[in-house]
Amino acid sequence: MATKAIARRRRASNPRRSRARRRAGFTLPVAVVAGFAPLGFGLLSAAKRALAGDTAGAAQEATIRATGYNTDTGMFHWPVFMQSYGPILVGIIVHKLAGKFGVNRALAAANVPFLRI
């Protein structure tokens, strides 16, 4: 025997509830952003080299710093890669742990503007 489809009415949303919800604002995860400092300083030294006139050496240094791959020798340098991207990975892990322990929620409750760990 076939069953009849029951029409269910959708409840109207409560206007007070919709007003209480706020859109999330812009926040900077400081631990992750700080992890980009070694990579930035490495690329800054390559830029200084380029301004001194050694564009080929600057491109080589920027490539090694950004990818860990040396185009002259054709080899991948794991220590250089980890020197650039290791702090970023550590920053991501610290950011995740701070979120799990509620540090970011405490910062938000203390009205600290747009900074999160």
C-alpha atoms as a PDB file:
ATOM      1  CA  MET A   1       0.000   0.000   0.000  1.00  0.00           C
ATOM      2  CA  ALA A   2       1.395   3.371  -0.985  1.00  0.00           C
ATOM      3  CA  THR A   3       1.723   6.099   1.600  1.00  0.00           C
ATOM      4  CA  LYS A   4       0.590   9.635   1.073  1.00  0.00           C
ATOM      5  CA  ALA A   5       3.137  12.414   1.116  1.00  0.00           C
ATOM      6  CA  ILE A   6       2.614  14.648   4.098  1.00  0.00           C
ATOM      7  CA  ALA A   7       2.935  18.320   3.349  1.00  0.00           C
ATOM      8  CA  ARG A   8       4.909  20.032   6.069  1.00  0.00           C
ATOM      9  CA  ARG A   9       4.782  23.718   6.609  1.00  0.00           C
ATOM     10  CA  ARG A  10       8.050  25.526   7.030  1.00  0.00           C
ATOM     11  CA  ARG A  11       8.168  27.712  10.085  1.00  0.00           C
ATOM     12  CA  ALA A  12       8.749  31.392   9.593  1.00  0.00           C
ATOM     13  CA  SER A  13      12.142  32.466  10.836  1.00  0.00           C
ATOM     14  CA  ASN A  14      12.335  34.501  13.980  1.00  0.00           C
ATOM     15  CA  PRO A  15      13.394  38.064  13.068  1.00  0.00           C
ATOM     16  CA  ARG A  16      15.142  38.543  16.422  1.00  0.00           C
ATOM     17  CA  ARG A  17      17.374  35.536  15.795  1.00  0.00           C
ATOM     18  CA  SER A  18      18.430  36.710  12.335  1.00  0.00           C
ATOM     19  CA  ARG A  19      19.398  40.137  13.699  1.00  0.00           C
ATOM     20  CA  ALA A  20      21.504  38.591  16.466  1.00  0.00           C
ATOM     21  CA  ARG A  21      23.822  36.864  14.025  1.00  0.00           C
ATOM     22  CA  ARG A  22      26.768  38.956  12.966  1.00  0.00           C
ATOM     23  CA  ARG A  23      28.975  38.473  10.003  1.00  0.00           C
ATOM     24  CA  ALA A  24      32.532  37.463  10.878  1.00  0.00           C
ATOM     25  CA  GLY A  25      34.995  40.325  10.570  1.00  0.00           C
ATOM     26  CA  PHE A  26      38.475  40.323   9.119  1.00  0.00           C
ATOM     27  CA  THR A  27      41.101  38.636  11.304  1.00  0.00           C
ATOM     28  CA  LEU A  28      44.799  37.969  10.824  1.00  0.00           C
ATOM     29  CA  PRO A  29      46.219  34.684  12.113  1.00  0.00           C
ATOM     30  CA  VAL A  30      49.468  36.065  13.562  1.00  0.00           C
ATOM     31  CA  ALA A  31      51.191  32.682  13.884  1.00  0.00           C
ATOM     32  CA  VAL A  32      50.725  31.917  10.180  1.00  0.00           C
ATOM     33  CA  VAL A  33      51.649  35.417   9.006  1.00  0.00           C
ATOM     34  CA  ALA A  34      54.809  35.387  11.149  1.00  0.00           C
ATOM     35  CA  GLY A  35      55.796  32.128   9.467  1.00  0.00           C
ATOM     36  CA  PHE A  36      56.163  33.962   6.161  1.00  0.00           C
ATOM     37  CA  ALA A  37      58.958  36.195   7.539  1.00  0.00           C
ATOM     38  CA  PRO A  38      61.919  33.888   6.682  1.00  0.00           C
ATOM     39  CA  LEU A  39      60.649  33.413   3.129  1.00  0.00           C
ATOM     40  CA  GLY A  40      60.145  37.159   2.790  1.00  0.00           C
ATOM     41  CA  PHE A  41      63.636  37.941   4.056  1.00  0.00           C
ATOM     42  CA  GLY A  42      65.109  35.395   1.642  1.00  0.00           C
ATOM     43  CA  LEU A  43      63.309  36.982  -1.276  1.00  0.00           C
ATOM     44  CA  LEU A  44      64.321  40.429  -0.009  1.00  0.00           C
ATOM     45  CA  SER A  45      67.990  39.444  -0.201  1.00  0.00           C
ATOM     46  CA  ALA A  46      67.371  38.289  -3.780  1.00  0.00           C
ATOM     47  CA  ALA A  47      65.786  41.669  -4.563  1.00  0.00           C
ATOM     48  CA  LYS A  48      68.820  43.487  -3.122  1.00  0.00           C
ATOM     49  CA  ARG A  49      71.031  41.371  -5.338  1.00  0.00           C
ATOM     50  CA  ALA A  50      68.955  42.335  -8.368  1.00  0.00           C
ATOM     51  CA  LEU A  51      69.222  46.024  -7.511  1.00  0.00           C
ATOM     52  CA  ALA A  52      72.994  45.617  -7.329  1.00  0.00           C
ATOM     53  CA  GLY A  53      72.941  44.459 -10.966  1.00  0.00           C
ATOM     54  CA  ASP A  54      73.206  40.671 -10.601  1.00  0.00           C
ATOM     55  CA  THR A  55      69.811  39.731 -12.072  1.00  0.00           C
ATOM     56  CA  ALA A  56      70.783  36.157 -12.964  1.00  0.00           C
ATOM     57  CA  GLY A  57      72.052  35.511  -9.452  1.00  0.00           C
ATOM     58  CA  ALA A  58      68.973  37.158  -7.972  1.00  0.00           C
ATOM     59  CA  ALA A  59      66.651  34.972 -10.047  1.00  0.00           C
ATOM     60  CA  GLN A  60      68.648  31.899  -9.027  1.00  0.00           C
ATOM     61  CA  GLU A  61      68.488  32.810  -5.327  1.00  0.00           C
ATOM     62  CA  ALA A  62      64.773  33.617  -5.490  1.00  0.00           C
ATOM     63  CA  THR A  63      64.094  30.277  -7.184  1.00  0.00           C
ATOM     64  CA  ILE A  64      66.069  28.346  -4.587  1.00  0.00           C
ATOM     65  CA  ARG A  65      64.412  30.213  -1.699  1.00  0.00           C
ATOM     66  CA  ALA A  66      60.884  29.869  -3.080  1.00  0.00           C
ATOM     67  CA  THR A  67      61.028  26.266  -4.336  1.00  0.00           C
ATOM     68  CA  GLY A  68      64.146  24.652  -2.927  1.00  0.00           C
ATOM     69  CA  TYR A  69      65.182  23.642  -6.451  1.00  0.00           C
ATOM     70  CA  ASN A  70      68.551  24.718  -7.837  1.00  0.00           C
ATOM     71  CA  THR A  71      68.225  25.146 -11.596  1.00  0.00           C
ATOM     72  CA  ASP A  72      72.010  25.140 -12.146  1.00  0.00           C
ATOM     73  CA  THR A  73      72.661  21.757 -10.549  1.00  0.00           C
ATOM     74  CA  GLY A  74      69.190  20.309 -11.090  1.00  0.00           C
ATOM     75  CA  MET A  75      68.968  19.227  -7.452  1.00  0.00           C
ATOM     76  CA  PHE A  76      66.329  19.809  -4.795  1.00  0.00           C
ATOM     77  CA  HIS A  77      67.665  21.205  -1.505  1.00  0.00           C
ATOM     78  CA  TRP A  78      65.419  20.046   1.322  1.00  0.00           C
ATOM     79  CA  PRO A  79      67.104  22.163   4.074  1.00  0.00           C
ATOM     80  CA  VAL A  80      66.629  25.384   2.083  1.00  0.00           C
ATOM     81  CA  PHE A  81      63.005  24.458   1.382  1.00  0.00           C
ATOM     82  CA  MET A  82      62.334  23.773   5.075  1.00  0.00           C
ATOM     83  CA  GLN A  83      64.130  26.983   6.054  1.00  0.00           C
ATOM     84  CA  SER A  84      61.567  28.874   3.959  1.00  0.00           C
ATOM     85  CA  TYR A  85      58.398  26.820   4.506  1.00  0.00           C
ATOM     86  CA  GLY A  86      59.030  25.159   7.886  1.00  0.00           C
ATOM     87  CA  PRO A  87      58.014  28.243   9.896  1.00  0.00           C
ATOM     88  CA  ILE A  88      54.808  28.518   7.862  1.00  0.00           C
ATOM     89  CA  LEU A  89      53.894  24.918   8.710  1.00  0.00           C
ATOM     90  CA  VAL A  90      54.707  25.512  12.388  1.00  0.00           C
ATOM     91  CA  GLY A  91      52.536  28.654  12.310  1.00  0.00           C
ATOM     92  CA  ILE A  92      49.608  26.703  10.860  1.00  0.00           C
ATOM     93  CA  ILE A  93      49.953  24.050  13.587  1.00  0.00           C
ATOM     94  CA  VAL A  94      50.142  26.712  16.333  1.00  0.00           C
ATOM     95  CA  HIS A  95      47.081  28.454  14.858  1.00  0.00           C
ATOM     96  CA  LYS A  96      45.105  25.195  14.863  1.00  0.00           C
ATOM     97  CA  LEU A  97      46.122  24.361  18.446  1.00  0.00           C
ATOM     98  CA  ALA A  98      45.236  27.877  19.641  1.00  0.00           C
ATOM     99  CA  GLY A  99      41.814  27.420  18.089  1.00  0.00           C
ATOM    100  CA  LYS A 100      41.334  24.084  19.843  1.00  0.00           C
ATOM    101  CA  PHE A 101      42.356  25.502  23.229  1.00  0.00           C
ATOM    102  CA  GLY A 102      40.069  28.524  22.849  1.00  0.00           C
ATOM    103  CA  VAL A 103      42.753  31.213  22.762  1.00  0.00           C
ATOM    104  CA  ASN A 104      41.167  32.912  19.754  1.00  0.00           C
ATOM    105  CA  ARG A 105      37.745  32.879  21.390  1.00  0.00           C
ATOM    106  CA  ALA A 106      39.241  34.517  24.491  1.00  0.00           C
ATOM    107  CA  LEU A 107      40.868  37.200  22.330  1.00  0.00           C
ATOM    108  CA  ALA A 108      37.534  37.869  20.662  1.00  0.00           C
ATOM    109  CA  ALA A 109      35.778  38.090  24.032  1.00  0.00           C
ATOM    110  CA  ALA A 110      38.397  40.593  25.214  1.00  0.00           C
ATOM    111  CA  ASN A 111      37.609  42.756  22.159  1.00  0.00           C
ATOM    112  CA  VAL A 112      41.108  42.491  20.672  1.00  0.00           C
ATOM    113  CA  PRO A 113      40.699  43.864  17.135  1.00  0.00           C
ATOM    114  CA  PHE A 114      41.449  41.624  14.101  1.00  0.00           C
ATOM    115  CA  LEU A 115      44.335  39.694  15.714  1.00  0.00           C
ATOM    116  CA  ARG A 116      44.134  35.967  16.312  1.00  0.00           C
ATOM    117  CA  ILE A 117      46.809  33.422  17.144  1.00  0.00           C
END
